[in-house]
Amino acid sequence: MLSSLLASFAAAETSLAIRRTRRAATAYGAAVVVACVGIGFLVAAAFIWTAQEFGRIEAAIGFGVGFLVLAGLILGVHKMLATSRTREEQQQRRADMTALGTSAAMALLPALMRSKGGIGALLGPVVALAAYAIIREHRKGSGDGDGVAGE
């Protein structure tokens, strides 16, 4: 009985939250549409004023160049932010993989130490990691121009 009461309460709360979210999305959507129409009229008014002051052709050229510059700025900022975000995601992924590897190693360590071939199974990956670290360090430090890029 208690579980059905809790389930009906949760369903009612979820239903209310969905209705509130739907109403808010509708209101924000309508506000965005109306704001875009208002901005369109402001741009049209600015164009009409500019055309009266400088001429129709000059106003059209000015507005065209202005919007192209604005589009270029938007794309440039997006490119910078996307590059930064990608770099941060890669760093986070590396940190997550390191933590996962460490956790897995710590979880397997007691079982490997108890098994007969445990030391050999443990030393193999350790030697491989050490060799990889030495090779990586050698590539970083080599400035002889052999075409091997450092990481």
Protein backbone atom coordinates (compact mmCIF):
# COMPACT_ATOMS: atom_id res chain seq x y z
CA MET A 1 0.00 0.00 0.00
CA LEU A 2 2.81 2.40 0.87
CA SER A 3 4.61 1.70 -2.41
CA SER A 4 1.49 2.41 -4.48
CA LEU A 5 0.96 5.65 -2.53
CA LEU A 6 4.56 6.71 -3.18
CA ALA A 7 4.28 5.73 -6.86
CA SER A 8 1.11 7.79 -7.33
CA PHE A 9 2.73 10.75 -5.55
CA ALA A 10 5.82 10.49 -7.79
CA ALA A 11 3.64 10.24 -10.90
CA ALA A 12 1.66 13.31 -9.88
CA GLU A 13 4.84 15.30 -9.20
CA THR A 14 6.32 14.22 -12.52
CA SER A 15 3.14 15.19 -14.35
CA LEU A 16 3.15 18.63 -12.71
CA ALA A 17 6.81 19.16 -13.56
CA ILE A 18 6.20 18.20 -17.19
CA ARG A 19 3.25 20.59 -17.46
CA ARG A 20 5.29 23.45 -15.92
CA THR A 21 8.16 22.76 -18.30
CA ARG A 22 5.85 22.64 -21.31
CA ARG A 23 4.22 25.97 -20.34
CA ALA A 24 7.61 27.60 -19.78
CA ALA A 25 8.93 26.32 -23.13
CA THR A 26 5.84 27.66 -24.91
CA ALA A 27 6.19 31.07 -23.24
CA TYR A 28 9.92 31.32 -24.01
CA GLY A 29 9.35 30.16 -27.58
CA ALA A 30 6.66 32.79 -28.14
CA ALA A 31 8.90 35.46 -26.59
CA VAL A 32 11.77 34.49 -28.93
CA VAL A 33 9.51 34.70 -32.00
CA VAL A 34 8.16 38.10 -30.97
CA ALA A 35 11.68 39.36 -30.16
CA CYS A 36 12.92 38.25 -33.60
CA VAL A 37 10.06 40.11 -35.28
CA GLY A 38 10.90 43.21 -33.23
CA ILE A 39 14.58 42.98 -34.17
CA GLY A 40 13.55 42.60 -37.82
CA PHE A 41 11.54 45.82 -37.64
CA LEU A 42 14.43 47.64 -35.94
CA VAL A 43 16.81 46.50 -38.68
CA ALA A 44 14.29 47.62 -41.32
CA ALA A 45 13.93 51.02 -39.63
CA ALA A 46 17.71 51.40 -39.45
CA PHE A 47 17.97 50.52 -43.13
CA ILE A 48 15.27 53.04 -44.10
CA TRP A 49 16.98 55.78 -42.08
CA THR A 50 20.40 54.92 -43.55
CA ALA A 51 18.92 54.86 -47.06
CA GLN A 52 17.46 58.35 -46.55
CA GLU A 53 20.76 59.68 -45.23
CA PHE A 54 23.23 58.02 -47.61
CA GLY A 55 21.22 56.54 -50.47
CA ARG A 56 19.67 53.15 -51.15
CA ILE A 57 22.70 51.51 -52.73
CA GLU A 58 25.10 52.75 -50.07
CA ALA A 59 22.75 51.60 -47.30
CA ALA A 60 22.36 48.15 -48.86
CA ILE A 61 26.13 47.78 -49.28
CA GLY A 62 26.76 48.96 -45.71
CA PHE A 63 24.19 46.60 -44.22
CA GLY A 64 25.46 43.69 -46.33
CA VAL A 65 29.07 44.27 -45.28
CA GLY A 66 28.03 44.77 -41.66
CA PHE A 67 26.11 41.50 -41.52
CA LEU A 68 28.96 39.62 -43.23
CA VAL A 69 31.45 41.00 -40.68
CA LEU A 70 29.08 40.03 -37.86
CA ALA A 71 28.78 36.49 -39.29
CA GLY A 72 32.58 36.24 -39.50
CA LEU A 73 32.96 37.35 -35.89
CA ILE A 74 30.39 34.81 -34.73
CA LEU A 75 32.14 31.98 -36.59
CA GLY A 76 35.56 33.07 -35.28
CA VAL A 77 34.38 33.09 -31.66
CA HIS A 78 32.68 29.72 -32.17
CA LYS A 79 35.89 28.23 -33.60
CA MET A 80 37.95 29.50 -30.64
CA LEU A 81 35.45 28.18 -28.10
CA ALA A 82 35.15 24.81 -29.87
CA THR A 83 38.93 24.38 -29.94
CA SER A 84 39.18 25.22 -26.25
CA ARG A 85 36.29 22.91 -25.38
CA THR A 86 37.83 20.04 -27.39
CA ARG A 87 41.15 20.47 -25.58
CA GLU A 88 39.40 20.43 -22.18
CA GLU A 89 37.41 17.31 -23.14
CA GLN A 90 40.61 15.52 -24.19
CA GLN A 91 42.30 16.40 -20.90
CA GLN A 92 39.26 15.19 -18.96
CA ARG A 93 39.17 11.96 -20.98
CA ARG A 94 42.87 11.34 -20.23
CA ALA A 95 42.31 11.97 -16.52
CA ASP A 96 39.30 9.63 -16.51
CA MET A 97 41.24 6.88 -18.27
CA THR A 98 44.14 7.27 -15.84
CA ALA A 99 41.78 7.02 -12.88
CA LEU A 100 40.06 4.00 -14.43
CA GLY A 101 43.39 2.28 -15.06
CA THR A 102 44.61 3.00 -11.56
CA SER A 103 41.38 1.72 -10.03
CA ALA A 104 41.48 -1.43 -12.11
CA ALA A 105 45.12 -2.06 -11.20
CA MET A 106 44.45 -1.54 -7.51
CA ALA A 107 41.46 -3.88 -7.66
CA LEU A 108 43.43 -6.62 -9.44
CA LEU A 109 46.65 -6.27 -7.45
CA PRO A 110 45.66 -8.50 -4.48
CA ALA A 111 44.41 -11.26 -6.79
CA LEU A 112 47.56 -11.12 -8.90
CA MET A 113 49.81 -11.26 -5.87
CA ARG A 114 48.05 -14.41 -4.58
CA SER A 115 48.14 -16.31 -7.90
CA LYS A 116 51.09 -18.43 -8.98
CA GLY A 117 52.00 -16.37 -12.04
CA GLY A 118 50.98 -13.12 -10.37
CA ILE A 119 54.39 -11.48 -10.22
CA GLY A 120 55.08 -12.26 -13.89
CA ALA A 121 51.64 -11.04 -14.90
CA LEU A 122 52.26 -7.87 -12.91
CA LEU A 123 55.77 -7.20 -14.18
CA GLY A 124 54.89 -7.52 -17.89
CA PRO A 125 52.62 -4.44 -18.08
CA VAL A 126 54.91 -2.48 -15.74
CA VAL A 127 57.90 -3.11 -18.03
CA ALA A 128 55.80 -2.20 -21.07
CA LEU A 129 54.68 1.07 -19.44
CA ALA A 130 58.27 1.91 -18.48
CA ALA A 131 59.45 1.25 -22.04
CA TYR A 132 56.67 3.43 -23.42
CA ALA A 133 57.58 6.26 -21.02
CA ILE A 134 61.26 6.03 -22.03
CA ILE A 135 60.39 6.12 -25.73
CA ARG A 136 58.05 9.06 -25.21
CA GLU A 137 60.67 10.98 -23.22
CA HIS A 138 63.27 10.26 -25.89
CA ARG A 139 60.98 11.65 -28.60
CA LYS A 140 60.32 14.81 -26.59
CA GLY A 141 63.98 15.44 -25.96
CA SER A 142 65.26 14.69 -29.47
CA GLY A 143 65.80 17.91 -31.35
CA ASP A 144 67.78 16.37 -34.20
CA GLY A 145 65.10 17.07 -36.81
CA ASP A 146 64.32 13.46 -37.65
CA GLY A 147 60.66 14.34 -38.22
CA VAL A 148 59.37 12.71 -35.07
CA ALA A 149 57.02 15.18 -33.46
CA GLY A 150 56.95 15.52 -29.68
CA GLU A 151 53.73 14.91 -27.83
